[in-house]
N, C-alpha and C. Protein backbone atom coordinates (compact mmCIF):
# COMPACT_ATOMS: atom_id res chain seq x y z
N MET A 1 148.35 129.78 116.39
CA MET A 1 148.21 129.05 117.65
C MET A 1 149.56 129.00 118.35
N GLN A 2 149.52 129.15 119.65
CA GLN A 2 150.72 129.06 120.48
C GLN A 2 150.46 128.04 121.59
N ILE A 3 151.49 127.25 121.91
CA ILE A 3 151.40 126.34 123.06
C ILE A 3 152.32 126.90 124.12
N ARG A 4 151.78 127.06 125.34
CA ARG A 4 152.54 127.63 126.44
C ARG A 4 152.04 127.06 127.76
N ASP A 5 152.78 127.37 128.82
CA ASP A 5 152.32 127.00 130.16
C ASP A 5 151.07 127.79 130.50
N ALA A 6 150.12 127.11 131.10
CA ALA A 6 148.87 127.76 131.49
C ALA A 6 149.11 128.66 132.69
N ASN A 7 148.26 129.68 132.81
CA ASN A 7 148.26 130.54 133.99
C ASN A 7 146.82 130.73 134.44
N VAL A 8 146.65 131.40 135.55
CA VAL A 8 145.32 131.54 136.15
C VAL A 8 144.31 132.16 135.19
N ASN A 9 144.77 132.99 134.27
CA ASN A 9 143.86 133.61 133.31
C ASN A 9 143.27 132.60 132.32
N ASP A 10 143.87 131.42 132.23
CA ASP A 10 143.38 130.37 131.33
C ASP A 10 142.33 129.47 131.98
N ALA A 11 142.14 129.63 133.30
CA ALA A 11 141.26 128.71 134.04
C ALA A 11 139.84 128.69 133.50
N GLU A 12 139.33 129.84 133.09
CA GLU A 12 137.95 129.89 132.57
C GLU A 12 137.83 129.09 131.28
N GLY A 13 138.79 129.24 130.38
CA GLY A 13 138.77 128.48 129.12
C GLY A 13 138.95 126.99 129.35
N ILE A 14 139.84 126.64 130.29
CA ILE A 14 140.05 125.23 130.62
C ILE A 14 138.77 124.64 131.20
N ALA A 15 138.11 125.39 132.09
CA ALA A 15 136.85 124.91 132.70
C ALA A 15 135.79 124.70 131.63
N ALA A 16 135.70 125.58 130.66
CA ALA A 16 134.69 125.44 129.60
C ALA A 16 134.94 124.17 128.79
N ILE A 17 136.19 123.90 128.44
CA ILE A 17 136.51 122.69 127.68
C ILE A 17 136.24 121.45 128.52
N TYR A 18 136.66 121.48 129.78
CA TYR A 18 136.44 120.36 130.69
C TYR A 18 134.93 120.08 130.82
N ASN A 19 134.16 121.12 131.08
CA ASN A 19 132.72 120.94 131.28
C ASN A 19 132.02 120.42 130.04
N ASP A 20 132.45 120.86 128.86
CA ASP A 20 131.87 120.33 127.64
C ASP A 20 132.14 118.82 127.54
N ALA A 21 133.36 118.41 127.90
CA ALA A 21 133.69 116.98 127.87
C ALA A 21 132.86 116.21 128.89
N VAL A 22 132.64 116.80 130.06
CA VAL A 22 131.81 116.14 131.08
C VAL A 22 130.39 115.96 130.58
N LEU A 23 129.83 117.00 130.02
CA LEU A 23 128.42 116.99 129.64
C LEU A 23 128.12 116.23 128.34
N ASN A 24 129.11 116.15 127.44
CA ASN A 24 128.80 115.68 126.09
C ASN A 24 129.65 114.53 125.57
N THR A 25 130.64 114.07 126.33
CA THR A 25 131.51 113.02 125.83
C THR A 25 131.76 111.96 126.90
N THR A 26 132.39 110.89 126.48
CA THR A 26 132.86 109.87 127.42
C THR A 26 134.37 109.97 127.60
N ALA A 27 134.95 111.11 127.22
CA ALA A 27 136.38 111.31 127.41
C ALA A 27 136.72 111.49 128.89
N ILE A 28 135.82 112.07 129.64
CA ILE A 28 135.98 112.23 131.10
C ILE A 28 134.85 111.45 131.75
N TRP A 29 135.20 110.53 132.63
CA TRP A 29 134.18 109.71 133.28
C TRP A 29 133.75 110.37 134.59
N ASN A 30 133.32 111.58 134.47
CA ASN A 30 132.82 112.36 135.59
C ASN A 30 131.52 112.98 135.12
N GLU A 31 130.61 113.19 136.03
CA GLU A 31 129.31 113.76 135.66
C GLU A 31 129.07 115.10 136.32
N THR A 32 130.09 115.66 136.96
CA THR A 32 129.96 116.91 137.69
C THR A 32 130.77 118.01 137.01
N VAL A 33 130.09 119.09 136.64
CA VAL A 33 130.79 120.22 136.05
C VAL A 33 131.52 120.99 137.16
N VAL A 34 132.49 121.79 136.75
CA VAL A 34 133.31 122.55 137.69
C VAL A 34 133.26 124.03 137.34
N ASP A 35 133.69 124.85 138.28
CA ASP A 35 133.76 126.28 138.00
C ASP A 35 135.21 126.70 137.76
N THR A 36 135.40 127.94 137.44
CA THR A 36 136.73 128.46 137.14
C THR A 36 137.66 128.31 138.33
N ALA A 37 137.16 128.55 139.53
CA ALA A 37 137.99 128.43 140.74
C ALA A 37 138.50 127.00 140.90
N ASN A 38 137.68 126.02 140.59
CA ASN A 38 138.09 124.62 140.67
C ASN A 38 139.25 124.35 139.73
N ARG A 39 139.16 124.82 138.49
CA ARG A 39 140.24 124.57 137.53
C ARG A 39 141.49 125.36 137.90
N ALA A 40 141.34 126.55 138.46
CA ALA A 40 142.51 127.32 138.91
C ALA A 40 143.23 126.57 140.02
N LYS A 41 142.47 125.98 140.95
CA LYS A 41 143.08 125.20 142.04
C LYS A 41 143.74 123.94 141.48
N TRP A 42 143.05 123.26 140.58
CA TRP A 42 143.63 122.06 139.95
C TRP A 42 144.96 122.41 139.28
N MET A 43 144.96 123.51 138.54
CA MET A 43 146.17 123.93 137.84
C MET A 43 147.29 124.26 138.84
N ALA A 44 146.97 125.00 139.88
CA ALA A 44 147.97 125.36 140.89
C ALA A 44 148.51 124.11 141.59
N ASP A 45 147.64 123.15 141.88
CA ASP A 45 148.08 121.90 142.52
C ASP A 45 149.04 121.15 141.61
N ARG A 46 148.68 121.01 140.34
CA ARG A 46 149.55 120.32 139.37
C ARG A 46 150.91 121.00 139.30
N GLN A 47 150.88 122.30 139.14
CA GLN A 47 152.12 123.04 138.96
C GLN A 47 152.97 123.02 140.23
N SER A 48 152.34 123.02 141.39
CA SER A 48 153.12 122.98 142.64
C SER A 48 153.84 121.64 142.81
N MET A 49 153.33 120.59 142.16
CA MET A 49 153.99 119.29 142.20
C MET A 49 155.04 119.15 141.09
N GLY A 50 155.22 120.21 140.32
CA GLY A 50 156.21 120.18 139.25
C GLY A 50 155.69 119.64 137.94
N TYR A 51 154.38 119.47 137.84
CA TYR A 51 153.80 118.93 136.61
C TYR A 51 153.24 120.06 135.75
N PRO A 52 153.40 119.95 134.44
CA PRO A 52 152.96 121.02 133.55
C PRO A 52 151.46 120.98 133.30
N VAL A 53 150.92 122.15 133.05
CA VAL A 53 149.61 122.31 132.44
C VAL A 53 149.86 123.20 131.24
N LEU A 54 149.67 122.65 130.07
CA LEU A 54 149.91 123.38 128.83
C LEU A 54 148.59 123.78 128.21
N VAL A 55 148.58 124.93 127.55
CA VAL A 55 147.41 125.36 126.80
C VAL A 55 147.82 125.68 125.37
N ALA A 56 146.90 125.42 124.47
CA ALA A 56 147.01 125.90 123.10
C ALA A 56 146.09 127.10 123.03
N VAL A 57 146.63 128.24 122.61
CA VAL A 57 145.82 129.46 122.58
C VAL A 57 145.83 130.07 121.19
N ALA A 58 144.72 130.70 120.86
CA ALA A 58 144.59 131.43 119.60
C ALA A 58 145.30 132.78 119.74
N ASP A 59 145.42 133.47 118.65
CA ASP A 59 146.07 134.79 118.67
C ASP A 59 145.39 135.75 119.63
N ASP A 60 144.08 135.60 119.81
CA ASP A 60 143.36 136.49 120.73
C ASP A 60 143.41 136.01 122.18
N GLY A 61 144.14 134.92 122.45
CA GLY A 61 144.28 134.41 123.81
C GLY A 61 143.26 133.36 124.20
N ALA A 62 142.30 133.06 123.33
CA ALA A 62 141.28 132.06 123.65
C ALA A 62 141.94 130.68 123.77
N VAL A 63 141.53 129.94 124.80
CA VAL A 63 142.07 128.59 125.02
C VAL A 63 141.40 127.63 124.04
N LEU A 64 142.21 126.98 123.22
CA LEU A 64 141.73 126.03 122.21
C LEU A 64 141.81 124.59 122.71
N GLY A 65 142.68 124.34 123.68
CA GLY A 65 142.86 123.02 124.24
C GLY A 65 143.86 123.08 125.38
N TYR A 66 143.92 122.00 126.14
CA TYR A 66 144.89 121.94 127.24
C TYR A 66 145.32 120.50 127.45
N ALA A 67 146.47 120.37 128.12
CA ALA A 67 147.03 119.04 128.39
C ALA A 67 147.87 119.10 129.65
N SER A 68 147.94 117.98 130.33
CA SER A 68 148.74 117.89 131.54
C SER A 68 149.13 116.44 131.78
N PHE A 69 150.08 116.24 132.68
CA PHE A 69 150.33 114.91 133.19
C PHE A 69 150.60 115.00 134.68
N GLY A 70 150.42 113.86 135.33
CA GLY A 70 150.65 113.76 136.76
C GLY A 70 150.99 112.32 137.11
N ASP A 71 151.11 112.09 138.40
CA ASP A 71 151.44 110.74 138.86
C ASP A 71 150.47 109.72 138.30
N TRP A 72 151.02 108.58 137.85
CA TRP A 72 150.15 107.50 137.42
C TRP A 72 149.55 106.80 138.63
N ARG A 73 150.38 106.48 139.58
CA ARG A 73 149.94 105.94 140.86
C ARG A 73 150.81 106.58 141.92
N ALA A 74 150.32 106.65 143.13
CA ALA A 74 150.95 107.45 144.17
C ALA A 74 152.03 106.73 144.98
N PHE A 75 152.55 105.62 144.50
CA PHE A 75 153.57 104.89 145.23
C PHE A 75 154.94 105.18 144.64
N ASP A 76 155.98 105.15 145.48
CA ASP A 76 157.34 105.49 145.04
C ASP A 76 157.80 104.71 143.82
N GLY A 77 157.45 103.46 143.75
CA GLY A 77 157.90 102.61 142.64
C GLY A 77 157.39 103.04 141.28
N TYR A 78 156.37 103.90 141.26
CA TYR A 78 155.82 104.39 140.00
C TYR A 78 156.32 105.79 139.64
N ARG A 79 157.36 106.29 140.34
CA ARG A 79 157.78 107.68 140.19
C ARG A 79 158.25 108.04 138.77
N HIS A 80 158.57 107.06 137.96
CA HIS A 80 159.04 107.33 136.60
C HIS A 80 157.91 107.24 135.57
N THR A 81 156.69 107.03 136.04
CA THR A 81 155.55 106.86 135.14
C THR A 81 154.52 107.94 135.40
N VAL A 82 154.02 108.53 134.33
CA VAL A 82 152.98 109.55 134.44
C VAL A 82 151.80 109.17 133.56
N GLU A 83 150.63 109.69 133.93
CA GLU A 83 149.43 109.55 133.10
C GLU A 83 149.06 110.94 132.63
N HIS A 84 148.66 111.04 131.39
CA HIS A 84 148.35 112.36 130.84
C HIS A 84 146.89 112.50 130.48
N SER A 85 146.52 113.75 130.24
CA SER A 85 145.19 114.05 129.70
C SER A 85 145.35 115.18 128.70
N VAL A 86 144.52 115.16 127.68
CA VAL A 86 144.53 116.20 126.66
C VAL A 86 143.10 116.40 126.19
N TYR A 87 142.67 117.65 126.15
CA TYR A 87 141.30 117.99 125.74
C TYR A 87 141.33 119.19 124.81
N VAL A 88 140.49 119.15 123.79
CA VAL A 88 140.45 120.22 122.79
C VAL A 88 139.02 120.74 122.71
N ASP A 89 138.89 122.04 122.54
CA ASP A 89 137.59 122.68 122.36
C ASP A 89 136.82 121.96 121.24
N ARG A 90 135.57 121.72 121.48
CA ARG A 90 134.76 120.94 120.52
C ARG A 90 134.78 121.53 119.11
N ASN A 91 134.90 122.83 118.97
CA ASN A 91 134.91 123.47 117.65
C ASN A 91 136.29 123.47 117.00
N GLN A 92 137.29 122.95 117.68
CA GLN A 92 138.66 122.95 117.17
C GLN A 92 139.20 121.54 116.92
N ARG A 93 138.40 120.52 117.22
CA ARG A 93 138.88 119.14 117.07
C ARG A 93 139.15 118.83 115.61
N GLY A 94 140.19 118.04 115.39
CA GLY A 94 140.58 117.65 114.04
C GLY A 94 141.50 118.63 113.35
N ALA A 95 141.91 119.70 114.06
CA ALA A 95 142.77 120.73 113.46
C ALA A 95 144.23 120.57 113.86
N GLY A 96 144.58 119.47 114.54
CA GLY A 96 145.97 119.24 114.92
C GLY A 96 146.35 119.79 116.28
N ILE A 97 145.42 120.37 116.99
CA ILE A 97 145.72 120.96 118.30
C ILE A 97 146.07 119.88 119.32
N GLY A 98 145.30 118.81 119.35
CA GLY A 98 145.57 117.72 120.28
C GLY A 98 146.95 117.13 120.04
N LYS A 99 147.31 116.94 118.79
CA LYS A 99 148.63 116.40 118.46
C LYS A 99 149.73 117.35 118.89
N ALA A 100 149.58 118.63 118.63
CA ALA A 100 150.59 119.60 119.03
C ALA A 100 150.75 119.63 120.55
N LEU A 101 149.66 119.57 121.27
CA LEU A 101 149.73 119.54 122.74
C LEU A 101 150.42 118.27 123.21
N MET A 102 150.09 117.14 122.59
CA MET A 102 150.70 115.87 122.99
C MET A 102 152.21 115.86 122.73
N VAL A 103 152.63 116.36 121.59
CA VAL A 103 154.06 116.41 121.28
C VAL A 103 154.79 117.24 122.34
N ALA A 104 154.24 118.40 122.67
CA ALA A 104 154.85 119.26 123.69
C ALA A 104 154.85 118.58 125.05
N LEU A 105 153.77 117.89 125.38
CA LEU A 105 153.66 117.22 126.67
C LEU A 105 154.66 116.06 126.79
N ILE A 106 154.81 115.30 125.73
CA ILE A 106 155.78 114.20 125.73
C ILE A 106 157.19 114.76 125.94
N GLU A 107 157.51 115.85 125.29
CA GLU A 107 158.84 116.46 125.48
C GLU A 107 159.03 116.92 126.92
N ARG A 108 157.99 117.47 127.53
CA ARG A 108 158.08 117.88 128.94
C ARG A 108 158.32 116.68 129.84
N ALA A 109 157.66 115.57 129.55
CA ALA A 109 157.85 114.36 130.37
C ALA A 109 159.27 113.84 130.22
N ARG A 110 159.78 113.85 129.01
CA ARG A 110 161.17 113.43 128.80
C ARG A 110 162.13 114.34 129.56
N ALA A 111 161.91 115.65 129.47
CA ALA A 111 162.78 116.61 130.15
C ALA A 111 162.72 116.45 131.66
N ALA A 112 161.58 115.97 132.18
CA ALA A 112 161.42 115.74 133.62
C ALA A 112 162.00 114.40 134.05
N GLY A 113 162.57 113.64 133.11
CA GLY A 113 163.19 112.37 133.45
C GLY A 113 162.21 111.22 133.61
N LYS A 114 161.02 111.35 133.05
CA LYS A 114 160.03 110.28 133.14
C LYS A 114 160.38 109.18 132.13
N HIS A 115 159.99 107.97 132.44
CA HIS A 115 160.34 106.81 131.61
C HIS A 115 159.17 106.33 130.76
N VAL A 116 157.95 106.39 131.31
CA VAL A 116 156.76 105.91 130.60
C VAL A 116 155.63 106.90 130.81
N MET A 117 154.86 107.13 129.75
CA MET A 117 153.63 107.92 129.83
C MET A 117 152.48 106.98 129.49
N VAL A 118 151.45 107.01 130.32
CA VAL A 118 150.28 106.14 130.17
C VAL A 118 149.08 106.98 129.73
N ALA A 119 148.26 106.39 128.88
CA ALA A 119 146.99 106.99 128.47
C ALA A 119 145.89 106.02 128.80
N GLY A 120 144.87 106.48 129.50
CA GLY A 120 143.65 105.71 129.73
C GLY A 120 142.57 106.33 128.87
N ILE A 121 142.11 105.62 127.84
CA ILE A 121 141.18 106.18 126.85
C ILE A 121 139.95 105.30 126.75
N GLU A 122 138.78 105.93 126.75
CA GLU A 122 137.55 105.18 126.53
C GLU A 122 137.69 104.45 125.20
N ALA A 123 137.50 103.15 125.22
CA ALA A 123 137.84 102.29 124.09
C ALA A 123 137.10 102.64 122.80
N GLY A 124 135.99 103.34 122.88
CA GLY A 124 135.27 103.75 121.69
C GLY A 124 135.77 105.04 121.08
N ASN A 125 136.73 105.69 121.72
CA ASN A 125 137.27 106.95 121.22
C ASN A 125 138.38 106.67 120.21
N VAL A 126 137.96 106.26 119.04
CA VAL A 126 138.88 105.82 117.99
C VAL A 126 139.83 106.94 117.58
N ALA A 127 139.35 108.17 117.49
CA ALA A 127 140.21 109.28 117.07
C ALA A 127 141.37 109.48 118.05
N SER A 128 141.08 109.43 119.33
CA SER A 128 142.14 109.60 120.33
C SER A 128 143.12 108.43 120.29
N ILE A 129 142.60 107.24 120.17
CA ILE A 129 143.48 106.06 120.12
C ILE A 129 144.37 106.13 118.89
N GLN A 130 143.83 106.51 117.76
CA GLN A 130 144.64 106.63 116.53
C GLN A 130 145.72 107.71 116.68
N LEU A 131 145.37 108.83 117.30
CA LEU A 131 146.36 109.88 117.53
C LEU A 131 147.50 109.35 118.38
N HIS A 132 147.17 108.62 119.41
CA HIS A 132 148.21 108.06 120.28
C HIS A 132 149.10 107.07 119.53
N TYR A 133 148.50 106.24 118.69
CA TYR A 133 149.30 105.32 117.88
C TYR A 133 150.26 106.11 116.97
N GLN A 134 149.78 107.19 116.36
CA GLN A 134 150.63 108.01 115.49
C GLN A 134 151.83 108.57 116.24
N LEU A 135 151.67 108.81 117.53
CA LEU A 135 152.74 109.40 118.34
C LEU A 135 153.65 108.35 118.95
N GLY A 136 153.40 107.06 118.67
CA GLY A 136 154.28 106.01 119.15
C GLY A 136 153.77 105.23 120.35
N PHE A 137 152.57 105.51 120.80
CA PHE A 137 151.98 104.74 121.89
C PHE A 137 151.61 103.34 121.39
N VAL A 138 151.61 102.38 122.28
CA VAL A 138 151.14 101.03 121.98
C VAL A 138 150.10 100.64 123.02
N GLN A 139 149.14 99.81 122.59
CA GLN A 139 148.13 99.37 123.56
C GLN A 139 148.78 98.38 124.51
N SER A 140 148.52 98.57 125.79
CA SER A 140 149.13 97.72 126.80
C SER A 140 148.10 97.08 127.73
N GLY A 141 146.84 97.42 127.54
CA GLY A 141 145.81 96.82 128.39
C GLY A 141 144.42 97.19 127.92
N PHE A 142 143.45 96.42 128.38
CA PHE A 142 142.05 96.66 128.04
C PHE A 142 141.20 96.16 129.19
N LEU A 143 140.42 97.05 129.76
CA LEU A 143 139.55 96.70 130.88
C LEU A 143 138.10 96.86 130.44
N LYS A 144 137.37 95.78 130.46
CA LYS A 144 135.99 95.75 129.97
C LYS A 144 135.01 96.20 131.04
N GLU A 145 134.12 97.12 130.65
CA GLU A 145 132.99 97.58 131.48
C GLU A 145 133.41 98.05 132.87
N VAL A 146 134.50 98.82 132.95
CA VAL A 146 134.97 99.32 134.25
C VAL A 146 134.41 100.70 134.58
N GLY A 147 133.73 101.33 133.63
CA GLY A 147 133.15 102.64 133.87
C GLY A 147 131.74 102.71 133.32
N THR A 148 131.07 103.81 133.67
CA THR A 148 129.73 104.03 133.16
C THR A 148 129.49 105.52 132.97
N LYS A 149 128.74 105.83 131.95
CA LYS A 149 128.31 107.20 131.71
C LYS A 149 127.20 107.13 130.67
N PHE A 150 126.26 108.04 130.76
CA PHE A 150 125.15 108.12 129.83
C PHE A 150 124.37 106.81 129.75
N GLY A 151 124.31 106.07 130.86
CA GLY A 151 123.51 104.86 130.93
C GLY A 151 124.09 103.64 130.23
N LYS A 152 125.40 103.66 129.99
CA LYS A 152 126.00 102.48 129.36
C LYS A 152 127.35 102.18 130.01
N TRP A 153 127.78 100.92 129.89
CA TRP A 153 129.09 100.52 130.38
C TRP A 153 130.15 101.01 129.42
N LEU A 154 131.31 101.35 129.98
CA LEU A 154 132.42 101.82 129.17
C LEU A 154 133.65 100.95 129.39
N ASP A 155 134.35 100.69 128.31
CA ASP A 155 135.60 99.94 128.35
C ASP A 155 136.76 100.94 128.35
N LEU A 156 137.85 100.55 128.99
CA LEU A 156 139.01 101.42 129.10
C LEU A 156 140.22 100.77 128.42
N ALA A 157 140.76 101.47 127.43
CA ALA A 157 141.99 101.01 126.76
C ALA A 157 143.16 101.74 127.39
N PHE A 158 144.20 101.00 127.75
CA PHE A 158 145.43 101.59 128.23
C PHE A 158 146.46 101.55 127.11
N LEU A 159 147.08 102.68 126.86
CA LEU A 159 148.17 102.78 125.92
C LEU A 159 149.36 103.39 126.65
N GLN A 160 150.56 103.14 126.16
CA GLN A 160 151.73 103.71 126.79
C GLN A 160 152.81 103.97 125.77
N ILE A 161 153.69 104.90 126.12
CA ILE A 161 154.86 105.19 125.31
C ILE A 161 156.07 105.20 126.24
N GLN A 162 157.13 104.56 125.78
CA GLN A 162 158.38 104.59 126.53
C GLN A 162 159.12 105.86 126.10
N LEU A 163 159.50 106.67 127.07
CA LEU A 163 160.06 107.99 126.80
C LEU A 163 161.57 108.03 126.68
N ASP A 164 162.24 107.01 127.19
CA ASP A 164 163.70 106.97 127.11
C ASP A 164 164.15 105.52 127.02
N ALA A 165 165.46 105.34 126.88
CA ALA A 165 166.01 103.99 126.69
C ALA A 165 166.72 103.47 127.92
N ARG A 166 166.48 104.08 129.08
CA ARG A 166 167.15 103.60 130.29
C ARG A 166 166.83 102.13 130.54
N THR A 167 167.84 101.39 130.89
CA THR A 167 167.62 99.98 131.25
C THR A 167 167.61 99.81 132.76
N VAL A 168 168.10 100.81 133.49
CA VAL A 168 168.12 100.74 134.96
C VAL A 168 167.57 102.07 135.48
N PRO A 169 166.57 102.03 136.34
CA PRO A 169 166.04 103.28 136.90
C PRO A 169 166.98 103.84 137.98
N ASP A 170 166.84 105.12 138.25
CA ASP A 170 167.57 105.66 139.38
C ASP A 170 166.92 105.13 140.66
N THR A 171 167.63 105.18 141.73
CA THR A 171 167.09 104.71 143.00
C THR A 171 166.99 105.88 143.96
N PRO A 172 165.97 105.86 144.81
CA PRO A 172 165.81 106.98 145.75
C PRO A 172 166.96 107.01 146.75
N GLN A 173 167.34 108.20 147.15
CA GLN A 173 168.39 108.37 148.15
C GLN A 173 167.80 108.18 149.54
N THR A 174 168.52 107.53 150.38
CA THR A 174 168.07 107.39 151.78
C THR A 174 168.97 108.26 152.64
N SER A 175 168.41 108.78 153.72
CA SER A 175 169.22 109.65 154.57
C SER A 175 169.69 108.94 155.79
């Protein structure tokens, strides 16, 4: 397995993993599947903003999982905080791919000068929450019944990891 930056050739594999999560899990609170062009545009948009899209690929190039981060909220005061996502092919879960993607993603966030990474996880997804705890995340919030999928209410757990030890943030330059 190799972890690398995604490219347009990975869009089909990313779409397949995304769509499986849409159709079969509560990891994504969306009910609409996407096509390859949609994921290629999503990837290009992320990358044009300077945010990574990483893929874990098999020796034959098959996408085993993907991960990315982007703005947590769109206001200037949140510029040091990102929210991430990580998804693994259903047949590859439990093999360490999610952890490897997360470790690489955390390093990318640190290299980009980010201070905090946030995870919003469906509260019943114990495996994902445990993985985040193993990587140093702590629970920082819990929102009851804020989502719905498959005819039931879903709770949202927020976890976060502090990426650096800065005590004072940088300030934006004014012209």
